[in-house]
């Protein structure tokens, strides 16, 4: 709906989101923290207040070290990670879907191992393997489908891609009509996919 009005909806981001949806630039709207399932007003305000006072979060470790576990609990952290709000803490400026599958799994494993109260006991370098190490080591990661499902479950939006994208050619071969043309085809049998 936002895009139909000429705006681009930007995903949640630990370093840019505010508690509520906000205008960013001329034609963009940033998804707000309270739009993420399990993230309420108090934690959203805490995250933005600390960021505004002490600067952007530089890493997951940095975020954990500044987080108040009474306001940012494990469930909220899980939601921030799996919604993609923590993706900007990755070493690359732009993540592809493969990077997201690996990065989010690593963050979730760290959260399971260390919890919210304990600072992670890994360095950023160890945590974010070099590309060479990634090729040599079997890496635990989420599947693309898991990433899509979690983003949609937590925000109502597929940010990283749509589960049906890779099947578009097959879908177009089966479905010869678009739903917009249905009123013109009144009474005719049609096949739709969606």
C-alpha atoms as a PDB file:
ATOM      1  CA  UNK A   1       0.000   0.000   0.000  1.00  0.00           C
ATOM      2  CA  UNK A   2       2.853   2.373   0.884  1.00  0.00           C
ATOM      3  CA  UNK A   3       4.542   1.621  -2.442  1.00  0.00           C
ATOM      4  CA  UNK A   4       1.304   2.359  -4.326  1.00  0.00           C
ATOM      5  CA  UNK A   5       1.499   5.868  -2.840  1.00  0.00           C
ATOM      6  CA  UNK A   6       5.024   6.306  -4.262  1.00  0.00           C
ATOM      7  CA  UNK A   7       6.983   5.558  -1.092  1.00  0.00           C
ATOM      8  CA  UNK A   8       9.546   2.853  -0.476  1.00  0.00           C
ATOM      9  CA  UNK A   9       9.182   0.874   2.758  1.00  0.00           C
ATOM     10  CA  UNK A  10      12.577   0.254   4.365  1.00  0.00           C
ATOM     11  CA  UNK A  11      13.117  -2.762   6.637  1.00  0.00           C
ATOM     12  CA  UNK A  12      13.608  -2.547  10.404  1.00  0.00           C
ATOM     13  CA  UNK A  13      17.169  -1.623  11.326  1.00  0.00           C
ATOM     14  CA  UNK A  14      18.764  -1.455  14.772  1.00  0.00           C
ATOM     15  CA  UNK A  15      20.659   1.681  13.732  1.00  0.00           C
ATOM     16  CA  UNK A  16      17.889   3.577  11.912  1.00  0.00           C
ATOM     17  CA  UNK A  17      14.463   2.463  13.107  1.00  0.00           C
ATOM     18  CA  UNK A  18      12.543   4.447  15.678  1.00  0.00           C
ATOM     19  CA  UNK A  19       9.807   3.003  17.884  1.00  0.00           C
ATOM     20  CA  UNK A  20       7.174   3.831  15.235  1.00  0.00           C
ATOM     21  CA  UNK A  21       7.283   4.058  11.447  1.00  0.00           C
ATOM     22  CA  UNK A  22       9.127   7.205  10.385  1.00  0.00           C
ATOM     23  CA  UNK A  23       9.779   9.113   7.181  1.00  0.00           C
ATOM     24  CA  UNK A  24      13.359   8.749   6.004  1.00  0.00           C
ATOM     25  CA  UNK A  25      14.469  10.964   3.175  1.00  0.00           C
ATOM     26  CA  UNK A  26      11.986  12.234   0.609  1.00  0.00           C
ATOM     27  CA  UNK A  27      10.198   9.061  -0.452  1.00  0.00           C
ATOM     28  CA  UNK A  28      11.045   6.394   2.150  1.00  0.00           C
ATOM     29  CA  UNK A  29       9.348   5.136   5.291  1.00  0.00           C
ATOM     30  CA  UNK A  30      11.366   3.136   7.840  1.00  0.00           C
ATOM     31  CA  UNK A  31       9.657   0.202   9.538  1.00  0.00           C
ATOM     32  CA  UNK A  32       9.354   0.888  13.276  1.00  0.00           C
ATOM     33  CA  UNK A  33      10.406  -1.433  16.108  1.00  0.00           C
ATOM     34  CA  UNK A  34       6.897  -1.795  17.516  1.00  0.00           C
ATOM     35  CA  UNK A  35       5.851  -3.251  14.151  1.00  0.00           C
ATOM     36  CA  UNK A  36       8.017  -6.279  14.991  1.00  0.00           C
ATOM     37  CA  UNK A  37       6.177  -8.992  16.888  1.00  0.00           C
ATOM     38  CA  UNK A  38       7.289  -9.188  20.568  1.00  0.00           C
ATOM     39  CA  UNK A  39       8.925  -5.738  20.545  1.00  0.00           C
ATOM     40  CA  UNK A  40       6.876  -3.324  22.632  1.00  0.00           C
ATOM     41  CA  UNK A  41       7.064   0.407  23.140  1.00  0.00           C
ATOM     42  CA  UNK A  42       9.363   0.343  26.218  1.00  0.00           C
ATOM     43  CA  UNK A  43      12.148  -1.757  24.617  1.00  0.00           C
ATOM     44  CA  UNK A  44      11.808   0.182  21.348  1.00  0.00           C
ATOM     45  CA  UNK A  45      12.202   3.485  23.167  1.00  0.00           C
ATOM     46  CA  UNK A  46      15.143   2.143  25.191  1.00  0.00           C
ATOM     47  CA  UNK A  47      16.978   0.906  22.062  1.00  0.00           C
ATOM     48  CA  UNK A  48      16.562   4.236  20.258  1.00  0.00           C
ATOM     49  CA  UNK A  49      17.323   6.359  23.339  1.00  0.00           C
ATOM     50  CA  UNK A  50      20.624   4.549  24.006  1.00  0.00           C
ATOM     51  CA  UNK A  51      21.538   4.712  20.305  1.00  0.00           C
ATOM     52  CA  UNK A  52      20.774   8.446  20.178  1.00  0.00           C
ATOM     53  CA  UNK A  53      22.824   9.142  23.325  1.00  0.00           C
ATOM     54  CA  UNK A  54      25.863   6.928  22.675  1.00  0.00           C
ATOM     55  CA  UNK A  55      25.949   6.433  18.902  1.00  0.00           C
ATOM     56  CA  UNK A  56      25.086   3.712  16.428  1.00  0.00           C
ATOM     57  CA  UNK A  57      25.563   0.109  17.414  1.00  0.00           C
ATOM     58  CA  UNK A  58      28.795  -1.160  15.893  1.00  0.00           C
ATOM     59  CA  UNK A  59      28.329  -4.889  16.414  1.00  0.00           C
ATOM     60  CA  UNK A  60      26.149  -7.471  18.102  1.00  0.00           C
ATOM     61  CA  UNK A  61      28.589  -7.423  21.031  1.00  0.00           C
ATOM     62  CA  UNK A  62      28.233  -3.656  21.282  1.00  0.00           C
ATOM     63  CA  UNK A  63      24.439  -3.917  21.286  1.00  0.00           C
ATOM     64  CA  UNK A  64      24.446  -6.603  24.005  1.00  0.00           C
ATOM     65  CA  UNK A  65      26.874  -4.594  26.142  1.00  0.00           C
ATOM     66  CA  UNK A  66      24.510  -1.587  26.068  1.00  0.00           C
ATOM     67  CA  UNK A  67      21.236  -3.537  26.367  1.00  0.00           C
ATOM     68  CA  UNK A  68      19.313  -3.604  29.632  1.00  0.00           C
ATOM     69  CA  UNK A  69      18.146  -7.221  29.968  1.00  0.00           C
ATOM     70  CA  UNK A  70      15.126  -6.057  31.957  1.00  0.00           C
ATOM     71  CA  UNK A  71      13.865  -4.250  28.845  1.00  0.00           C
ATOM     72  CA  UNK A  72      15.502  -6.223  26.032  1.00  0.00           C
ATOM     73  CA  UNK A  73      14.946  -9.870  26.884  1.00  0.00           C
ATOM     74  CA  UNK A  74      15.743 -13.017  24.920  1.00  0.00           C
ATOM     75  CA  UNK A  75      12.394 -13.092  23.082  1.00  0.00           C
ATOM     76  CA  UNK A  76      12.838  -9.490  21.930  1.00  0.00           C
ATOM     77  CA  UNK A  77      16.406 -10.182  20.788  1.00  0.00           C
ATOM     78  CA  UNK A  78      15.225 -13.234  18.840  1.00  0.00           C
ATOM     79  CA  UNK A  79      12.627 -11.080  17.111  1.00  0.00           C
ATOM     80  CA  UNK A  80      15.155  -8.340  16.303  1.00  0.00           C
ATOM     81  CA  UNK A  81      17.565 -10.898  14.849  1.00  0.00           C
ATOM     82  CA  UNK A  82      15.051 -12.906  12.822  1.00  0.00           C
ATOM     83  CA  UNK A  83      13.171  -9.861  11.504  1.00  0.00           C
ATOM     84  CA  UNK A  84      16.442  -8.621   9.993  1.00  0.00           C
ATOM     85  CA  UNK A  85      16.755  -5.587  12.274  1.00  0.00           C
ATOM     86  CA  UNK A  86      20.305  -6.652  13.233  1.00  0.00           C
ATOM     87  CA  UNK A  87      21.509  -7.226   9.649  1.00  0.00           C
ATOM     88  CA  UNK A  88      23.253  -3.836   9.476  1.00  0.00           C
ATOM     89  CA  UNK A  89      25.703  -5.113  12.111  1.00  0.00           C
ATOM     90  CA  UNK A  90      27.175  -7.516   9.557  1.00  0.00           C
ATOM     91  CA  UNK A  91      30.619  -6.739   8.198  1.00  0.00           C
ATOM     92  CA  UNK A  92      29.436  -6.279   4.603  1.00  0.00           C
ATOM     93  CA  UNK A  93      27.451  -3.212   3.660  1.00  0.00           C
ATOM     94  CA  UNK A  94      24.943  -5.210   1.623  1.00  0.00           C
ATOM     95  CA  UNK A  95      23.927  -8.738   2.539  1.00  0.00           C
ATOM     96  CA  UNK A  96      22.673 -11.250   0.046  1.00  0.00           C
ATOM     97  CA  UNK A  97      20.292 -13.984   1.145  1.00  0.00           C
ATOM     98  CA  UNK A  98      23.145 -16.426   1.782  1.00  0.00           C
ATOM     99  CA  UNK A  99      24.849 -13.937   4.138  1.00  0.00           C
ATOM    100  CA  UNK A 100      21.565 -13.453   6.011  1.00  0.00           C
ATOM    101  CA  UNK A 101      21.103 -17.222   6.410  1.00  0.00           C
ATOM    102  CA  UNK A 102      24.548 -17.517   8.003  1.00  0.00           C
ATOM    103  CA  UNK A 103      24.618 -14.265  10.003  1.00  0.00           C
ATOM    104  CA  UNK A 104      21.220 -14.696  11.631  1.00  0.00           C
ATOM    105  CA  UNK A 105      21.994 -18.304  12.551  1.00  0.00           C
ATOM    106  CA  UNK A 106      25.265 -17.207  14.188  1.00  0.00           C
ATOM    107  CA  UNK A 107      23.497 -14.497  16.166  1.00  0.00           C
ATOM    108  CA  UNK A 108      20.835 -16.934  17.332  1.00  0.00           C
ATOM    109  CA  UNK A 109      23.475 -19.508  18.336  1.00  0.00           C
ATOM    110  CA  UNK A 110      25.315 -16.810  20.299  1.00  0.00           C
ATOM    111  CA  UNK A 111      22.092 -15.787  22.012  1.00  0.00           C
ATOM    112  CA  UNK A 112      21.378 -19.416  22.937  1.00  0.00           C
ATOM    113  CA  UNK A 113      24.902 -19.901  24.249  1.00  0.00           C
ATOM    114  CA  UNK A 114      25.404 -16.585  26.051  1.00  0.00           C
ATOM    115  CA  UNK A 115      21.928 -15.253  26.737  1.00  0.00           C
ATOM    116  CA  UNK A 116      21.155 -11.563  27.125  1.00  0.00           C
ATOM    117  CA  UNK A 117      22.996 -10.920  30.384  1.00  0.00           C
ATOM    118  CA  UNK A 118      26.386 -12.183  29.282  1.00  0.00           C
ATOM    119  CA  UNK A 119      28.584 -10.475  26.765  1.00  0.00           C
ATOM    120  CA  UNK A 120      29.366 -12.867  23.890  1.00  0.00           C
ATOM    121  CA  UNK A 121      32.757 -14.515  24.309  1.00  0.00           C
ATOM    122  CA  UNK A 122      33.841 -14.254  20.686  1.00  0.00           C
ATOM    123  CA  UNK A 123      35.594 -11.547  18.788  1.00  0.00           C
ATOM    124  CA  UNK A 124      33.915  -9.945  15.796  1.00  0.00           C
ATOM    125  CA  UNK A 125      36.624 -11.446  13.608  1.00  0.00           C
ATOM    126  CA  UNK A 126      36.020 -14.970  14.885  1.00  0.00           C
ATOM    127  CA  UNK A 127      32.294 -14.483  14.697  1.00  0.00           C
ATOM    128  CA  UNK A 128      32.224 -13.238  11.132  1.00  0.00           C
ATOM    129  CA  UNK A 129      34.380 -15.751   9.290  1.00  0.00           C
ATOM    130  CA  UNK A 130      36.426 -14.582   6.376  1.00  0.00           C
ATOM    131  CA  UNK A 131      35.229 -15.819   2.998  1.00  0.00           C
ATOM    132  CA  UNK A 132      38.164 -18.247   2.872  1.00  0.00           C
ATOM    133  CA  UNK A 133      37.253 -19.802   6.230  1.00  0.00           C
ATOM    134  CA  UNK A 134      33.617 -20.060   5.156  1.00  0.00           C
ATOM    135  CA  UNK A 135      34.664 -22.222   2.211  1.00  0.00           C
ATOM    136  CA  UNK A 136      36.735 -24.523   4.439  1.00  0.00           C
ATOM    137  CA  UNK A 137      34.283 -25.006   7.294  1.00  0.00           C
ATOM    138  CA  UNK A 138      30.813 -26.497   7.318  1.00  0.00           C
ATOM    139  CA  UNK A 139      28.645 -23.604   8.386  1.00  0.00           C
ATOM    140  CA  UNK A 140      25.378 -23.787  10.250  1.00  0.00           C
ATOM    141  CA  UNK A 141      22.805 -21.593   8.616  1.00  0.00           C
ATOM    142  CA  UNK A 142      19.100 -21.093   8.141  1.00  0.00           C
ATOM    143  CA  UNK A 143      17.487 -22.003   4.867  1.00  0.00           C
ATOM    144  CA  UNK A 144      16.131 -19.227   2.653  1.00  0.00           C
ATOM    145  CA  UNK A 145      12.634 -20.507   3.414  1.00  0.00           C
ATOM    146  CA  UNK A 146      13.239 -20.125   7.178  1.00  0.00           C
ATOM    147  CA  UNK A 147      14.438 -16.543   6.673  1.00  0.00           C
ATOM    148  CA  UNK A 148      11.381 -15.694   4.543  1.00  0.00           C
ATOM    149  CA  UNK A 149       8.983 -17.312   7.021  1.00  0.00           C
ATOM    150  CA  UNK A 150      10.464 -15.587  10.072  1.00  0.00           C
ATOM    151  CA  UNK A 151      10.523 -12.151   8.445  1.00  0.00           C
ATOM    152  CA  UNK A 152       6.901 -12.535   7.388  1.00  0.00           C
ATOM    153  CA  UNK A 153       5.810 -13.953  10.748  1.00  0.00           C
ATOM    154  CA  UNK A 154       7.480 -11.149  12.721  1.00  0.00           C
ATOM    155  CA  UNK A 155       6.702  -8.165  10.472  1.00  0.00           C
ATOM    156  CA  UNK A 156       4.036  -9.265   7.996  1.00  0.00           C
ATOM    157  CA  UNK A 157       6.431  -8.536   5.113  1.00  0.00           C
ATOM    158  CA  UNK A 158       8.905 -10.580   3.086  1.00  0.00           C
ATOM    159  CA  UNK A 159      12.001  -8.337   3.174  1.00  0.00           C
ATOM    160  CA  UNK A 160      14.648 -10.628   1.704  1.00  0.00           C
ATOM    161  CA  UNK A 161      12.623 -12.050  -1.140  1.00  0.00           C
ATOM    162  CA  UNK A 162       9.416 -13.980  -1.673  1.00  0.00           C
ATOM    163  CA  UNK A 163       9.223 -17.774  -1.327  1.00  0.00           C
ATOM    164  CA  UNK A 164       7.591 -18.042  -4.762  1.00  0.00           C
ATOM    165  CA  UNK A 165      10.198 -15.948  -6.627  1.00  0.00           C
ATOM    166  CA  UNK A 166      12.243 -18.932  -7.743  1.00  0.00           C
ATOM    167  CA  UNK A 167       9.095 -20.533  -9.165  1.00  0.00           C
ATOM    168  CA  UNK A 168       7.902 -17.561 -11.249  1.00  0.00           C
ATOM    169  CA  UNK A 169       8.535 -19.228 -14.614  1.00  0.00           C
ATOM    170  CA  UNK A 170       6.535 -22.293 -13.581  1.00  0.00           C
ATOM    171  CA  UNK A 171       3.761 -20.127 -12.127  1.00  0.00           C
ATOM    172  CA  UNK A 172       3.524 -18.004 -15.272  1.00  0.00           C
ATOM    173  CA  UNK A 173       3.318 -21.154 -17.388  1.00  0.00           C
ATOM    174  CA  UNK A 174       0.327 -22.406 -15.355  1.00  0.00           C
ATOM    175  CA  UNK A 175      -1.516 -19.194 -14.527  1.00  0.00           C
ATOM    176  CA  UNK A 176      -2.327 -17.413 -17.759  1.00  0.00           C
ATOM    177  CA  UNK A 177      -4.339 -14.639 -16.088  1.00  0.00           C
ATOM    178  CA  UNK A 178      -3.742 -12.083 -13.415  1.00  0.00           C
ATOM    179  CA  UNK A 179      -6.286 -11.499 -10.689  1.00  0.00           C
ATOM    180  CA  UNK A 180      -6.834  -7.928 -11.937  1.00  0.00           C
ATOM    181  CA  UNK A 181      -8.370  -9.288 -15.159  1.00  0.00           C
ATOM    182  CA  UNK A 182     -10.921 -11.557 -13.470  1.00  0.00           C
ATOM    183  CA  UNK A 183     -13.916  -9.164 -13.714  1.00  0.00           C
ATOM    184  CA  UNK A 184     -13.427  -9.113 -17.501  1.00  0.00           C
ATOM    185  CA  UNK A 185     -13.609 -12.908 -17.615  1.00  0.00           C
ATOM    186  CA  UNK A 186     -16.928 -13.263 -15.766  1.00  0.00           C
ATOM    187  CA  UNK A 187     -18.212 -16.849 -15.807  1.00  0.00           C
ATOM    188  CA  UNK A 188     -15.078 -18.300 -17.427  1.00  0.00           C
ATOM    189  CA  UNK A 189     -13.069 -20.970 -15.573  1.00  0.00           C
ATOM    190  CA  UNK A 190      -9.547 -19.776 -14.712  1.00  0.00           C
ATOM    191  CA  UNK A 191      -6.486 -21.070 -12.896  1.00  0.00           C
ATOM    192  CA  UNK A 192      -4.866 -18.834 -10.308  1.00  0.00           C
ATOM    193  CA  UNK A 193      -1.814 -19.319  -8.115  1.00  0.00           C
ATOM    194  CA  UNK A 194      -1.083 -17.278  -5.048  1.00  0.00           C
END
